[in-house]
Amino acid sequence: MIFFSDMDGTFLTSTKQVSDMGWRALDALAAAGVEFVPCTGRPLSGIPAEVLAHPSVHYAVSANGAVAAKLDAENPQNTDLATVIYSAPLSREKALAVRQIARDYDVTFDLFADGDCLLRRDLYNRLDEFMDDPFILQSMRNTRTPVDEEPEQTIQRVNVLERVAMYWKDPADRDAILARLPSVDGIEVTRSYPQNIEVMEAGTSKGTAMTWLCGHLGIDPSKATCFGDNHNDISMLELAGCGAAVCNAEREVRDAADVILASNDEDGVPAYILSCVG
């Protein structure tokens, strides 16, 4: 048995916290010797440190499946010490092609690389124009590092480029970008919020990373339970033995799920975990 869970909108509450029942569920997993794997679109450094430090957590999947990492045994919350055991990087050529499209529109251009998320400082300072939910906005600020360089420079200097993301204000910009992205060969397009577009290397997904990590740990994916709420979670819900969507999930995610749970603010995921191991 192993559990993979999206963070935002799924395991975390809408205020970006782990609920009391959430902590009880993680404690129950630790007592039973069962792994809990955060499986998120966030960069590795953006996963809540208190989650990484919990004794049920030894691995994490980040950047929509572009990275799977083993946490440091002595200091698991320090992601600089984590060991990347799986990587599906986005090529610089493809990232630059996506950037060329994005330049024509008023969007952010988030670069996930080396376990971090990098954003040009002027766009970082404008994040409140792209997100009006105060808790999501604060999370975006907390998980991004502002940089004083053009995205093209960032793309060229980072070691491992994981994925890119664009937050938009005007739906017309979203539609135009989505219409042009098929001109870039070999990419995967998804989203984790209604207001964004996320681009990875073709074949990269939470589902492929989940399947790889199960194989690495000698666990059949049919023994895995996965939780999610948005489009970037569909692949792992479909590939797991049990795919569970919270009831606040997007319709397409609920349609892909085997089980529908109570919402992220009603302890849907923790209650399900406790029903399995509590």
Protein backbone atom coordinates (compact mmCIF):
# COMPACT_ATOMS: atom_id res chain seq x y z
CA MET A 1 0.00 0.00 0.00
CA ILE A 2 1.19 3.51 -0.86
CA PHE A 3 -0.58 6.88 -1.05
CA PHE A 4 0.17 9.69 -3.51
CA SER A 5 -1.58 13.00 -3.00
CA ASP A 6 -1.79 16.32 -4.75
CA MET A 7 -1.36 19.17 -2.30
CA ASP A 8 -3.31 22.30 -3.36
CA GLY A 9 -7.06 21.81 -3.49
CA THR A 10 -6.72 18.18 -2.37
CA PHE A 11 -4.74 17.46 0.81
CA LEU A 12 -4.24 21.07 1.90
CA THR A 13 -7.21 23.17 2.92
CA SER A 14 -8.16 26.25 0.92
CA THR A 15 -6.07 28.27 3.39
CA LYS A 16 -3.05 26.10 2.43
CA GLN A 17 -2.90 24.31 5.77
CA VAL A 18 -2.81 20.68 6.86
CA SER A 19 -5.92 20.09 8.97
CA ASP A 20 -5.89 18.39 12.36
CA MET A 21 -7.34 15.27 10.75
CA GLY A 22 -4.69 15.53 8.04
CA TRP A 23 -1.97 15.25 10.67
CA ARG A 24 -3.77 12.33 12.31
CA ALA A 25 -3.91 10.57 8.94
CA LEU A 26 -0.19 11.07 8.38
CA ASP A 27 0.52 9.83 11.91
CA ALA A 28 -1.54 6.70 11.19
CA LEU A 29 0.41 6.07 7.99
CA ALA A 30 3.72 6.45 9.82
CA ALA A 31 2.58 4.04 12.53
CA ALA A 32 1.57 1.50 9.87
CA GLY A 33 4.82 1.95 7.92
CA VAL A 34 2.96 3.16 4.83
CA GLU A 35 4.43 5.81 2.54
CA PHE A 36 2.69 9.13 1.86
CA VAL A 37 4.11 10.81 -1.25
CA PRO A 38 3.29 14.46 -1.97
CA CYS A 39 2.66 14.58 -5.73
CA THR A 40 2.37 18.20 -6.77
CA GLY A 41 2.80 20.79 -9.47
CA ARG A 42 4.82 22.85 -6.99
CA PRO A 43 8.60 22.89 -7.11
CA LEU A 44 10.25 20.57 -4.61
CA SER A 45 11.22 23.58 -2.48
CA GLY A 46 7.58 24.70 -2.45
CA ILE A 47 6.18 21.62 -0.69
CA PRO A 48 5.34 22.59 2.90
CA ALA A 49 8.39 21.86 5.05
CA GLU A 50 6.25 20.41 7.83
CA VAL A 51 4.85 17.83 5.40
CA LEU A 52 8.31 16.87 4.18
CA ALA A 53 9.48 16.49 7.78
CA HIS A 54 6.69 14.06 8.72
CA PRO A 55 7.88 10.48 9.35
CA SER A 56 5.41 9.08 6.81
CA VAL A 57 7.11 11.07 4.02
CA HIS A 58 10.40 9.93 2.49
CA TYR A 59 9.82 10.75 -1.19
CA ALA A 60 8.18 13.55 -3.15
CA VAL A 61 7.06 14.06 -6.74
CA SER A 62 7.19 17.67 -7.89
CA ALA A 63 6.80 19.88 -10.98
CA ASN A 64 3.89 17.77 -12.28
CA GLY A 65 5.97 14.61 -12.37
CA ALA A 66 9.13 16.06 -13.87
CA VAL A 67 11.02 15.16 -10.67
CA ALA A 68 10.91 12.43 -8.06
CA ALA A 69 13.22 12.91 -5.10
CA LYS A 70 14.30 10.98 -2.03
CA LEU A 71 14.42 13.26 0.98
CA ASP A 72 17.45 13.51 3.21
CA ALA A 73 17.06 11.21 6.20
CA GLU A 74 18.53 13.64 8.72
CA ASN A 75 17.05 16.88 7.37
CA PRO A 76 14.09 16.03 5.09
CA GLN A 77 12.68 19.54 4.99
CA ASN A 78 15.90 20.87 3.45
CA THR A 79 15.21 20.14 -0.22
CA ASP A 80 18.75 21.18 -1.18
CA LEU A 81 19.84 17.90 0.44
CA ALA A 82 17.28 15.75 -1.37
CA THR A 83 18.46 13.27 -4.00
CA VAL A 84 16.76 13.41 -7.39
CA ILE A 85 16.09 9.80 -8.36
CA TYR A 86 13.94 10.44 -11.43
CA SER A 87 13.90 13.36 -13.83
CA ALA A 88 12.03 14.18 -17.06
CA PRO A 89 13.42 17.60 -17.99
CA LEU A 90 11.93 19.98 -20.52
CA SER A 91 14.41 20.75 -23.31
CA ARG A 92 15.73 24.29 -23.49
CA GLU A 93 14.77 24.46 -27.16
CA LYS A 94 11.14 23.69 -26.39
CA ALA A 95 11.07 26.09 -23.45
CA LEU A 96 12.41 28.87 -25.68
CA ALA A 97 9.77 28.08 -28.30
CA VAL A 98 7.04 28.35 -25.66
CA ARG A 99 8.58 31.58 -24.40
CA GLN A 100 8.46 32.99 -27.92
CA ILE A 101 4.70 32.40 -27.96
CA ALA A 102 4.19 33.79 -24.45
CA ARG A 103 6.00 37.05 -25.29
CA ASP A 104 2.96 38.14 -27.32
CA TYR A 105 0.60 38.09 -24.34
CA ASP A 106 0.29 39.55 -20.84
CA VAL A 107 1.11 36.41 -18.88
CA THR A 108 3.61 35.30 -16.28
CA PHE A 109 6.37 32.92 -17.30
CA ASP A 110 7.28 30.68 -14.38
CA LEU A 111 10.38 28.54 -14.86
CA PHE A 112 10.57 25.44 -12.67
CA ALA A 113 14.18 24.36 -12.46
CA ASP A 114 16.57 22.71 -10.01
CA GLY A 115 13.81 22.28 -7.44
CA ASP A 116 12.81 25.95 -7.46
CA CYS A 117 10.45 28.24 -9.39
CA LEU A 118 11.99 31.35 -10.95
CA LEU A 119 10.03 34.36 -12.17
CA ARG A 120 11.22 37.68 -13.58
CA ARG A 121 10.97 40.24 -10.77
CA ASP A 122 8.55 42.65 -12.49
CA LEU A 123 6.12 39.78 -13.09
CA TYR A 124 6.61 38.54 -9.52
CA ASN A 125 5.63 42.01 -8.32
CA ARG A 126 2.45 41.83 -10.44
CA LEU A 127 1.24 38.43 -9.23
CA ASP A 128 -1.80 40.00 -7.60
CA GLU A 129 -3.01 40.97 -11.08
CA PHE A 130 -3.14 37.31 -12.08
CA MET A 131 -4.60 35.76 -8.91
CA ASP A 132 -7.31 37.22 -6.67
CA ASP A 133 -7.59 34.37 -4.16
CA PRO A 134 -5.45 35.65 -1.24
CA PHE A 135 -4.33 32.21 -0.08
CA ILE A 136 -3.32 31.00 -3.54
CA LEU A 137 -1.63 34.35 -4.16
CA GLN A 138 0.43 34.06 -0.97
CA SER A 139 1.35 30.49 -1.88
CA MET A 140 2.49 31.67 -5.32
CA ARG A 141 4.66 34.32 -3.74
CA ASN A 142 6.08 31.85 -1.23
CA THR A 143 6.99 29.27 -3.86
CA ARG A 144 8.60 31.60 -6.42
CA THR A 145 11.99 33.29 -6.45
CA PRO A 146 12.15 36.64 -8.27
CA VAL A 147 15.10 37.02 -10.62
CA ASP A 148 16.56 40.03 -12.42
CA GLU A 149 17.01 38.51 -15.85
CA GLU A 150 14.99 37.62 -18.91
CA PRO A 151 13.41 34.15 -19.05
CA GLU A 152 15.64 33.35 -22.02
CA GLN A 153 18.67 33.89 -19.78
CA THR A 154 17.19 31.79 -16.99
CA ILE A 155 16.44 28.96 -19.41
CA GLN A 156 20.05 28.90 -20.53
CA ARG A 157 21.71 29.09 -17.12
CA VAL A 158 19.74 26.59 -15.01
CA ASN A 159 20.98 23.04 -14.63
CA VAL A 160 17.76 21.01 -15.02
CA LEU A 161 14.71 22.73 -16.48
CA GLU A 162 11.62 20.94 -15.20
CA ARG A 163 8.63 22.77 -16.67
CA VAL A 164 7.18 26.20 -17.45
CA ALA A 165 3.87 27.78 -16.51
CA MET A 166 1.91 30.84 -17.57
CA TYR A 167 -0.79 32.58 -15.54
CA TRP A 168 -3.13 34.73 -17.63
CA LYS A 169 -5.62 37.52 -16.96
CA ASP A 170 -7.56 37.59 -20.22
CA PRO A 171 -9.24 34.36 -21.38
CA ALA A 172 -8.57 35.50 -24.95
CA ASP A 173 -4.83 35.28 -24.17
CA ARG A 174 -5.31 31.77 -22.78
CA ASP A 175 -7.17 30.65 -25.88
CA ALA A 176 -4.59 32.18 -28.22
CA ILE A 177 -1.68 30.52 -26.40
CA LEU A 178 -3.43 27.14 -26.34
CA ALA A 179 -4.11 27.48 -30.06
CA ARG A 180 -0.42 28.11 -30.78
CA LEU A 181 1.20 25.58 -28.45
CA PRO A 182 0.59 22.62 -30.83
CA SER A 183 3.21 24.23 -33.09
CA VAL A 184 5.82 23.17 -30.51
CA ASP A 185 6.51 19.48 -31.00
CA GLY A 186 7.10 17.13 -28.09
CA ILE A 187 5.42 18.91 -25.20
CA GLU A 188 2.71 18.02 -22.68
CA VAL A 189 0.14 20.72 -21.77
CA THR A 190 -2.02 20.70 -18.64
CA ARG A 191 -3.11 22.97 -15.80
CA SER A 192 -3.40 22.91 -12.02
CA TYR A 193 -5.55 26.04 -11.67
CA PRO A 194 -8.21 27.43 -14.01
CA GLN A 195 -6.00 30.51 -14.53
CA ASN A 196 -2.84 28.80 -15.75
CA ILE A 197 -1.23 26.78 -18.53
CA GLU A 198 1.55 24.33 -17.69
CA VAL A 199 4.01 22.83 -20.16
CA MET A 200 6.27 19.81 -19.67
CA GLU A 201 8.27 17.47 -21.87
CA ALA A 202 6.02 15.05 -23.79
CA GLY A 203 5.18 11.99 -21.71
CA THR A 204 5.78 13.78 -18.42
CA SER A 205 2.97 13.58 -15.88
CA LYS A 206 2.25 12.80 -12.28
CA GLY A 207 1.05 9.40 -13.49
CA THR A 208 4.34 8.45 -15.13
CA ALA A 209 6.32 9.58 -12.08
CA MET A 210 3.96 7.73 -9.74
CA THR A 211 4.34 4.54 -11.79
CA TRP A 212 8.13 4.91 -11.88
CA LEU A 213 8.40 5.47 -8.13
CA CYS A 214 6.18 2.47 -7.41
CA GLY A 215 8.52 0.34 -9.55
CA HIS A 216 11.55 1.81 -7.81
CA LEU A 217 10.09 0.86 -4.44
CA GLY A 218 8.96 -2.58 -5.61
CA ILE A 219 5.27 -1.75 -5.21
CA ASP A 220 2.71 -2.67 -7.85
CA PRO A 221 0.86 0.51 -8.98
CA SER A 222 -2.36 -1.41 -8.43
CA LYS A 223 -1.59 -1.07 -4.71
CA ALA A 224 -1.36 2.71 -4.98
CA THR A 225 -4.11 5.15 -4.04
CA CYS A 226 -3.89 8.61 -5.59
CA PHE A 227 -5.79 11.77 -4.67
CA GLY A 228 -6.36 14.83 -6.85
CA ASP A 229 -8.53 17.74 -7.90
CA ASN A 230 -7.28 19.19 -11.18
CA HIS A 231 -6.30 18.28 -14.74
CA ASN A 232 -2.67 17.59 -13.86
CA ASP A 233 -3.88 14.84 -11.49
CA ILE A 234 -5.89 12.83 -14.02
CA SER A 235 -3.00 10.66 -15.21
CA MET A 236 -2.16 9.35 -11.74
CA LEU A 237 -5.82 8.77 -10.89
CA GLU A 238 -6.17 6.67 -14.03
CA LEU A 239 -2.96 4.67 -13.51
CA ALA A 240 -3.34 3.94 -9.79
CA GLY A 241 -5.20 1.00 -8.36
CA CYS A 242 -7.55 3.51 -6.77
CA GLY A 243 -7.94 7.06 -8.06
CA ALA A 244 -9.86 9.30 -5.66
CA ALA A 245 -11.03 12.83 -6.42
CA VAL A 246 -12.22 15.34 -3.85
CA CYS A 247 -15.71 16.64 -4.60
CA ASN A 248 -14.34 20.13 -5.29
CA ALA A 249 -12.34 18.66 -8.20
CA GLU A 250 -12.85 19.68 -11.81
CA ARG A 251 -15.56 17.67 -13.59
CA GLU A 252 -13.04 15.87 -15.82
CA VAL A 253 -11.10 14.79 -12.74
CA ARG A 254 -14.21 13.45 -11.03
CA ASP A 255 -15.07 11.55 -14.22
CA ALA A 256 -11.62 9.90 -14.18
CA ALA A 257 -11.83 8.88 -10.52
CA ASP A 258 -12.89 5.58 -9.00
CA VAL A 259 -14.01 7.27 -5.78
CA ILE A 260 -15.37 10.74 -4.96
CA LEU A 261 -14.47 12.07 -1.52
CA ALA A 262 -15.54 15.02 0.59
CA SER A 263 -13.83 18.29 -0.27
CA ASN A 264 -10.36 19.43 0.75
CA ASP A 265 -11.99 21.65 3.38
CA GLU A 266 -14.06 18.73 4.71
CA ASP A 267 -11.14 16.33 5.29
CA GLY A 268 -12.01 14.11 2.34
CA VAL A 269 -8.48 12.77 1.87
CA PRO A 270 -7.55 12.36 5.56
CA ALA A 271 -10.84 10.59 6.29
CA TYR A 272 -10.25 8.16 3.43
CA ILE A 273 -6.68 7.42 4.60
CA LEU A 274 -7.90 6.80 8.14
CA SER A 275 -10.57 4.43 6.80
CA CYS A 276 -7.76 2.41 5.21
CA VAL A 277 -5.16 2.38 7.98
CA GLY A 278 -6.75 4.04 10.98
